[in-house]
N, C-alpha and C. Protein backbone atom coordinates (compact mmCIF):
# COMPACT_ATOMS: atom_id res chain seq x y z
N UNK A 1 0.84 -1.18 0.00
CA UNK A 1 0.00 0.00 0.00
C UNK A 1 0.88 1.23 0.00
N UNK A 2 0.48 2.25 -0.71
CA UNK A 2 1.21 3.50 -0.81
C UNK A 2 0.95 4.34 0.44
N UNK A 3 2.00 4.97 0.93
CA UNK A 3 1.90 5.80 2.12
C UNK A 3 1.04 7.03 1.80
N UNK A 4 -0.07 7.23 2.52
CA UNK A 4 -0.95 8.37 2.26
C UNK A 4 -0.23 9.71 2.43
N UNK A 5 0.75 9.78 3.31
CA UNK A 5 1.49 11.02 3.50
C UNK A 5 2.27 11.39 2.24
N UNK A 6 2.82 10.38 1.57
CA UNK A 6 3.54 10.62 0.32
C UNK A 6 2.59 11.15 -0.75
N UNK A 7 1.41 10.56 -0.81
CA UNK A 7 0.42 11.01 -1.79
C UNK A 7 0.03 12.45 -1.52
N UNK A 8 -0.17 12.78 -0.25
CA UNK A 8 -0.50 14.17 0.10
C UNK A 8 0.63 15.11 -0.31
N UNK A 9 1.86 14.69 -0.06
CA UNK A 9 3.02 15.51 -0.41
C UNK A 9 3.09 15.74 -1.92
N UNK A 10 2.89 14.69 -2.69
CA UNK A 10 2.92 14.81 -4.16
C UNK A 10 1.77 15.70 -4.63
N UNK A 11 0.60 15.48 -4.07
CA UNK A 11 -0.56 16.29 -4.46
C UNK A 11 -0.31 17.76 -4.14
N UNK A 12 0.29 18.02 -3.00
CA UNK A 12 0.59 19.40 -2.61
C UNK A 12 1.60 20.02 -3.57
N UNK A 13 2.62 19.24 -3.94
CA UNK A 13 3.64 19.74 -4.87
C UNK A 13 3.03 20.04 -6.24
N UNK A 14 2.16 19.16 -6.71
CA UNK A 14 1.49 19.39 -7.99
C UNK A 14 0.64 20.65 -7.88
N UNK A 15 -0.09 20.77 -6.80
CA UNK A 15 -0.96 21.92 -6.58
C UNK A 15 -0.14 23.22 -6.56
N UNK A 16 1.00 23.20 -5.87
CA UNK A 16 1.84 24.39 -5.76
C UNK A 16 2.51 24.75 -7.08
N UNK A 17 2.71 23.76 -7.95
CA UNK A 17 3.38 24.04 -9.22
C UNK A 17 2.41 24.58 -10.28
N UNK A 18 1.13 24.57 -9.98
CA UNK A 18 0.13 25.06 -10.93
C UNK A 18 0.16 26.58 -10.99
N UNK A 19 -0.27 27.14 -12.11
CA UNK A 19 -0.37 28.61 -12.20
C UNK A 19 -1.31 29.15 -11.13
N UNK A 20 -1.07 30.40 -10.75
CA UNK A 20 -1.82 31.01 -9.64
C UNK A 20 -3.33 30.98 -9.86
N UNK A 21 -3.78 31.21 -11.07
CA UNK A 21 -5.22 31.22 -11.35
C UNK A 21 -5.87 29.88 -11.03
N UNK A 22 -5.18 28.81 -11.36
CA UNK A 22 -5.73 27.48 -11.09
C UNK A 22 -5.64 27.16 -9.60
N UNK A 23 -4.55 27.60 -8.96
CA UNK A 23 -4.38 27.32 -7.53
C UNK A 23 -5.47 27.96 -6.69
N UNK A 24 -6.08 28.98 -7.20
CA UNK A 24 -7.12 29.68 -6.44
C UNK A 24 -8.33 28.79 -6.19
N UNK A 25 -8.44 27.74 -6.97
CA UNK A 25 -9.53 26.79 -6.71
C UNK A 25 -9.31 26.08 -5.39
N UNK A 26 -8.09 26.17 -4.90
CA UNK A 26 -7.76 25.72 -3.54
C UNK A 26 -7.90 24.24 -3.28
N UNK A 27 -8.59 23.97 -2.19
CA UNK A 27 -8.69 22.61 -1.68
C UNK A 27 -9.33 21.65 -2.66
N UNK A 28 -10.27 22.12 -3.46
CA UNK A 28 -10.94 21.23 -4.40
C UNK A 28 -9.95 20.62 -5.39
N UNK A 29 -9.05 21.46 -5.89
CA UNK A 29 -8.06 20.96 -6.85
C UNK A 29 -7.12 19.97 -6.16
N UNK A 30 -6.66 20.33 -4.97
CA UNK A 30 -5.74 19.46 -4.25
C UNK A 30 -6.40 18.12 -3.93
N UNK A 31 -7.65 18.14 -3.52
CA UNK A 31 -8.37 16.90 -3.22
C UNK A 31 -8.52 16.04 -4.48
N UNK A 32 -8.85 16.71 -5.58
CA UNK A 32 -9.03 15.98 -6.83
C UNK A 32 -7.71 15.37 -7.30
N UNK A 33 -6.62 16.12 -7.18
CA UNK A 33 -5.30 15.59 -7.55
C UNK A 33 -4.95 14.39 -6.67
N UNK A 34 -5.24 14.49 -5.38
CA UNK A 34 -4.97 13.39 -4.45
C UNK A 34 -5.77 12.15 -4.83
N UNK A 35 -7.05 12.35 -5.18
CA UNK A 35 -7.90 11.23 -5.58
C UNK A 35 -7.37 10.56 -6.86
N UNK A 36 -6.99 11.38 -7.82
CA UNK A 36 -6.48 10.83 -9.08
C UNK A 36 -5.17 10.07 -8.85
N UNK A 37 -4.27 10.66 -8.07
CA UNK A 37 -3.00 9.98 -7.75
C UNK A 37 -3.26 8.64 -7.07
N UNK A 38 -4.14 8.66 -6.09
CA UNK A 38 -4.45 7.44 -5.34
C UNK A 38 -5.00 6.37 -6.27
N UNK A 39 -5.94 6.74 -7.13
CA UNK A 39 -6.54 5.74 -8.01
C UNK A 39 -5.53 5.21 -9.03
N UNK A 40 -4.68 6.08 -9.56
CA UNK A 40 -3.69 5.64 -10.54
C UNK A 40 -2.62 4.76 -9.90
N UNK A 41 -2.18 5.12 -8.71
CA UNK A 41 -1.17 4.31 -8.02
C UNK A 41 -1.73 2.96 -7.60
N UNK A 42 -2.99 2.92 -7.25
CA UNK A 42 -3.63 1.65 -6.89
C UNK A 42 -3.68 0.72 -8.09
N UNK A 43 -3.90 1.26 -9.26
CA UNK A 43 -3.98 0.45 -10.48
C UNK A 43 -2.63 -0.14 -10.86
N UNK A 44 -1.54 0.44 -10.36
CA UNK A 44 -0.19 -0.04 -10.72
C UNK A 44 0.18 -1.34 -10.01
N UNK A 45 -0.57 -1.75 -9.03
CA UNK A 45 -0.31 -3.00 -8.30
C UNK A 45 1.10 -2.98 -7.70
N UNK A 46 1.40 -1.93 -6.95
CA UNK A 46 2.70 -1.76 -6.32
C UNK A 46 2.71 -2.40 -4.94
N UNK A 47 3.91 -2.69 -4.46
CA UNK A 47 4.06 -3.18 -3.09
C UNK A 47 4.76 -2.10 -2.28
N UNK A 48 4.55 -2.15 -0.98
CA UNK A 48 5.19 -1.17 -0.12
C UNK A 48 6.67 -1.51 0.04
N UNK A 49 7.43 -0.55 0.45
CA UNK A 49 8.87 -0.77 0.67
C UNK A 49 9.07 -1.83 1.74
N UNK A 50 8.26 -1.78 2.77
CA UNK A 50 8.36 -2.77 3.86
C UNK A 50 8.13 -4.18 3.32
N UNK A 51 7.11 -4.35 2.51
CA UNK A 51 6.81 -5.66 1.93
C UNK A 51 7.96 -6.12 1.03
N UNK A 52 8.51 -5.21 0.26
CA UNK A 52 9.64 -5.52 -0.61
C UNK A 52 10.85 -5.96 0.21
N UNK A 53 11.14 -5.24 1.30
CA UNK A 53 12.27 -5.59 2.15
C UNK A 53 12.09 -6.96 2.80
N UNK A 54 10.87 -7.25 3.23
CA UNK A 54 10.58 -8.56 3.84
C UNK A 54 10.84 -9.67 2.82
N UNK A 55 10.35 -9.50 1.61
CA UNK A 55 10.54 -10.52 0.58
C UNK A 55 12.02 -10.66 0.19
N UNK A 56 12.76 -9.57 0.23
CA UNK A 56 14.20 -9.62 -0.04
C UNK A 56 14.90 -10.47 1.01
N UNK A 57 14.52 -10.30 2.27
CA UNK A 57 15.12 -11.09 3.35
C UNK A 57 14.76 -12.56 3.21
N UNK A 58 13.53 -12.85 2.84
CA UNK A 58 13.10 -14.24 2.63
C UNK A 58 13.94 -14.86 1.51
N UNK A 59 14.14 -14.13 0.43
CA UNK A 59 14.93 -14.63 -0.69
C UNK A 59 16.38 -14.88 -0.27
N UNK A 60 16.96 -13.98 0.51
CA UNK A 60 18.34 -14.17 0.97
C UNK A 60 18.47 -15.43 1.84
N UNK A 61 17.52 -15.62 2.75
CA UNK A 61 17.56 -16.83 3.60
C UNK A 61 17.40 -18.09 2.75
N UNK A 62 16.54 -18.03 1.76
CA UNK A 62 16.32 -19.18 0.88
C UNK A 62 17.59 -19.50 0.11
N UNK A 63 18.27 -18.48 -0.37
CA UNK A 63 19.54 -18.70 -1.09
C UNK A 63 20.59 -19.32 -0.18
N UNK A 64 20.66 -18.84 1.07
CA UNK A 64 21.61 -19.40 2.03
C UNK A 64 21.32 -20.88 2.28
N UNK A 65 20.04 -21.20 2.47
CA UNK A 65 19.67 -22.60 2.69
C UNK A 65 20.00 -23.46 1.48
N UNK A 66 19.75 -22.94 0.30
CA UNK A 66 20.05 -23.67 -0.93
C UNK A 66 21.54 -23.93 -1.04
N UNK A 67 22.36 -22.94 -0.74
CA UNK A 67 23.82 -23.11 -0.80
C UNK A 67 24.27 -24.19 0.19
N UNK A 68 23.70 -24.18 1.39
CA UNK A 68 24.05 -25.21 2.39
C UNK A 68 23.62 -26.60 1.92
N UNK A 69 22.44 -26.70 1.34
CA UNK A 69 21.96 -27.99 0.84
C UNK A 69 22.83 -28.50 -0.31
N UNK A 70 23.24 -27.60 -1.19
CA UNK A 70 24.12 -28.00 -2.30
C UNK A 70 25.45 -28.51 -1.77
N UNK A 71 25.99 -27.81 -0.76
CA UNK A 71 27.25 -28.24 -0.15
C UNK A 71 27.09 -29.61 0.51
N UNK A 72 26.01 -29.78 1.22
CA UNK A 72 25.77 -31.06 1.91
C UNK A 72 25.60 -32.20 0.89
N UNK A 73 24.89 -31.94 -0.19
CA UNK A 73 24.70 -32.94 -1.22
C UNK A 73 26.04 -33.34 -1.83
N UNK A 74 26.89 -32.37 -2.09
CA UNK A 74 28.22 -32.66 -2.64
C UNK A 74 29.01 -33.55 -1.69
N UNK A 75 28.96 -33.24 -0.39
CA UNK A 75 29.66 -34.05 0.62
C UNK A 75 29.11 -35.48 0.64
N UNK A 76 27.78 -35.61 0.62
CA UNK A 76 27.17 -36.94 0.65
C UNK A 76 27.54 -37.74 -0.61
N UNK A 77 27.55 -37.09 -1.75
CA UNK A 77 27.91 -37.78 -2.99
C UNK A 77 29.36 -38.25 -2.95
N UNK A 78 30.26 -37.41 -2.42
CA UNK A 78 31.67 -37.82 -2.35
C UNK A 78 31.85 -38.98 -1.37
N UNK A 79 31.11 -38.98 -0.26
CA UNK A 79 31.18 -40.10 0.69
C UNK A 79 30.67 -41.38 0.04
N UNK A 80 29.61 -41.27 -0.72
CA UNK A 80 29.01 -42.44 -1.33
C UNK A 80 29.96 -43.04 -2.37
N UNK A 81 30.68 -42.21 -3.08
CA UNK A 81 31.64 -42.71 -4.07
C UNK A 81 32.79 -43.40 -3.35
N UNK A 82 33.23 -42.83 -2.25
CA UNK A 82 34.34 -43.43 -1.49
C UNK A 82 33.93 -44.75 -0.84
N UNK A 83 32.71 -44.86 -0.38
CA UNK A 83 32.25 -46.04 0.33
C UNK A 83 31.89 -47.18 -0.61
N UNK A 84 31.56 -46.88 -1.85
CA UNK A 84 31.16 -47.93 -2.80
C UNK A 84 32.39 -48.75 -3.19
N UNK A 85 32.24 -50.09 -3.22
CA UNK A 85 33.39 -50.92 -3.63
C UNK A 85 33.68 -50.68 -5.10
N UNK A 86 34.94 -50.83 -5.42
CA UNK A 86 35.33 -50.66 -6.82
C UNK A 86 34.64 -51.72 -7.64
N UNK A 87 34.25 -51.36 -8.80
CA UNK A 87 33.56 -52.31 -9.68
C UNK A 87 34.58 -53.33 -10.17
N UNK A 88 34.20 -54.61 -10.10
CA UNK A 88 35.09 -55.67 -10.58
C UNK A 88 34.73 -55.97 -12.02
N UNK A 89 35.73 -56.29 -12.83
CA UNK A 89 35.43 -56.57 -14.23
C UNK A 89 34.58 -57.83 -14.32
N UNK A 90 33.74 -57.93 -15.30
CA UNK A 90 32.87 -59.11 -15.43
C UNK A 90 33.72 -60.36 -15.70
N UNK A 91 33.28 -61.45 -15.13
CA UNK A 91 33.99 -62.71 -15.28
C UNK A 91 33.81 -63.23 -16.71
N UNK A 92 34.89 -63.86 -17.19
CA UNK A 92 34.80 -64.43 -18.55
C UNK A 92 34.02 -65.73 -18.48
N UNK A 93 33.19 -65.97 -19.43
CA UNK A 93 32.40 -67.22 -19.42
C UNK A 93 33.32 -68.43 -19.66
N UNK A 94 33.05 -69.55 -18.95
CA UNK A 94 33.81 -70.80 -19.13
C UNK A 94 33.16 -71.64 -20.18
N UNK A 95 33.95 -72.18 -21.04
CA UNK A 95 33.42 -73.03 -22.07
C UNK A 95 33.90 -74.41 -21.92
């Protein structure tokens, strides 16, 4: 969700950048700009910074776990190769 304070700040900046004649409409224009910004930002399907940071941390932990599992798998594979008896050549058939 977008921070309402940020939307107010943007709406205020847009309002202040308008020519003086338009700014005289005052609060109505600022409210309308805020409504339009809110509706357009909602349509963008954005995530909050907090949500993004949480997902980044989840991804980092997942990568760490994956690296540990890959390392463990490599160790297990090397043990299994060492523990397996050497293959003996097939016996020749007796005639």
